[in-house]
Amino acid sequence: MGKKVKNLLGFVAWVTGVIVSLAVGFAMTGGSLTIPWLDAVGAGVVTVVAGWIVVLTTILSAVLALMKQ
C-alpha cells in the first residue's frame, strides 16, 4: 500500500474513534447509555461523571493531536 493510502486510512480510523468516543460520552451524560451495576450503586451519577470524563478527554486529545500536526 502506498504511503498516502496508509495515511488516509489512519486518519479515517482516528476520526472514527473520536466520533464514537464522543457519541458514547454524550450518551452516558444524557442517560441513554447506562452501566446497570454502576447505576444501582450511585443512582446514575457515576455514569454521568464517566461520560463527562470521556467527552473532555476525547476533545482534549483531539485538540492536542491536531496541534501536533
Protein backbone atom coordinates (compact mmCIF):
# COMPACT_ATOMS: atom_id res chain seq x y z
CA MET A 1 0.00 0.00 0.00
CA GLY A 2 1.21 3.48 -0.76
CA LYS A 3 2.13 5.90 1.99
CA LYS A 4 -0.73 8.26 1.07
CA VAL A 5 -3.32 5.48 1.29
CA LYS A 6 -1.88 4.32 4.61
CA ASN A 7 -2.01 7.87 5.99
CA LEU A 8 -5.58 8.33 4.75
CA LEU A 9 -6.73 5.08 6.36
CA GLY A 10 -5.02 6.05 9.62
CA PHE A 11 -6.76 9.43 9.59
CA VAL A 12 -10.16 7.85 8.87
CA ALA A 13 -9.66 5.39 11.73
CA TRP A 14 -8.67 8.24 14.07
CA VAL A 15 -11.71 10.37 13.13
CA THR A 16 -13.98 7.34 13.56
CA GLY A 17 -12.56 6.75 17.03
CA VAL A 18 -13.14 10.37 18.02
CA ILE A 19 -16.73 10.30 16.76
CA VAL A 20 -17.51 7.03 18.55
CA SER A 21 -15.93 8.26 21.79
CA LEU A 22 -17.96 11.47 21.70
CA ALA A 23 -21.16 9.55 20.90
CA VAL A 24 -20.61 7.19 23.84
CA GLY A 25 -19.66 10.01 26.19
CA PHE A 26 -22.67 12.14 25.35
CA ALA A 27 -24.97 9.10 25.56
CA MET A 28 -23.64 8.42 29.04
CA THR A 29 -24.12 12.01 30.15
CA GLY A 30 -27.63 12.11 28.70
CA GLY A 31 -28.67 8.90 30.42
CA SER A 32 -29.47 6.86 27.32
CA LEU A 33 -26.38 4.67 27.84
CA THR A 34 -26.01 3.23 31.31
CA ILE A 35 -23.99 0.61 33.12
CA PRO A 36 -26.55 -1.41 35.11
CA TRP A 37 -24.43 -2.40 38.10
CA LEU A 38 -22.98 1.12 38.40
CA ASP A 39 -26.39 2.77 38.22
CA ALA A 40 -27.57 0.68 41.15
CA VAL A 41 -24.66 1.86 43.27
CA GLY A 42 -24.55 5.58 42.52
CA ALA A 43 -28.00 6.31 41.11
CA GLY A 44 -26.53 7.14 37.70
CA VAL A 45 -24.10 9.75 38.96
CA VAL A 46 -21.08 7.54 38.29
CA THR A 47 -22.16 7.00 34.68
CA VAL A 48 -22.70 10.71 34.08
CA VAL A 49 -19.31 11.59 35.56
CA ALA A 50 -17.64 8.87 33.49
CA GLY A 51 -19.40 10.21 30.40
CA TRP A 52 -18.08 13.72 31.01
CA ILE A 53 -14.59 12.33 31.54
CA VAL A 54 -14.83 10.54 28.18
CA VAL A 55 -16.07 13.68 26.42
CA LEU A 56 -13.48 16.01 27.92
CA THR A 57 -10.51 13.70 27.39
CA THR A 58 -11.59 12.96 23.82
CA ILE A 59 -11.83 16.67 22.99
CA LEU A 60 -8.50 17.34 24.70
CA SER A 61 -6.73 14.53 22.85
CA ALA A 62 -8.21 15.62 19.52
CA VAL A 63 -7.07 19.22 20.04
CA LEU A 64 -3.59 18.08 21.07
CA ALA A 65 -3.34 15.74 18.08
CA LEU A 66 -4.38 18.50 15.68
CA MET A 67 -1.88 20.91 17.25
CA LYS A 68 0.87 18.34 16.77
CA GLN A 69 0.20 18.29 13.03
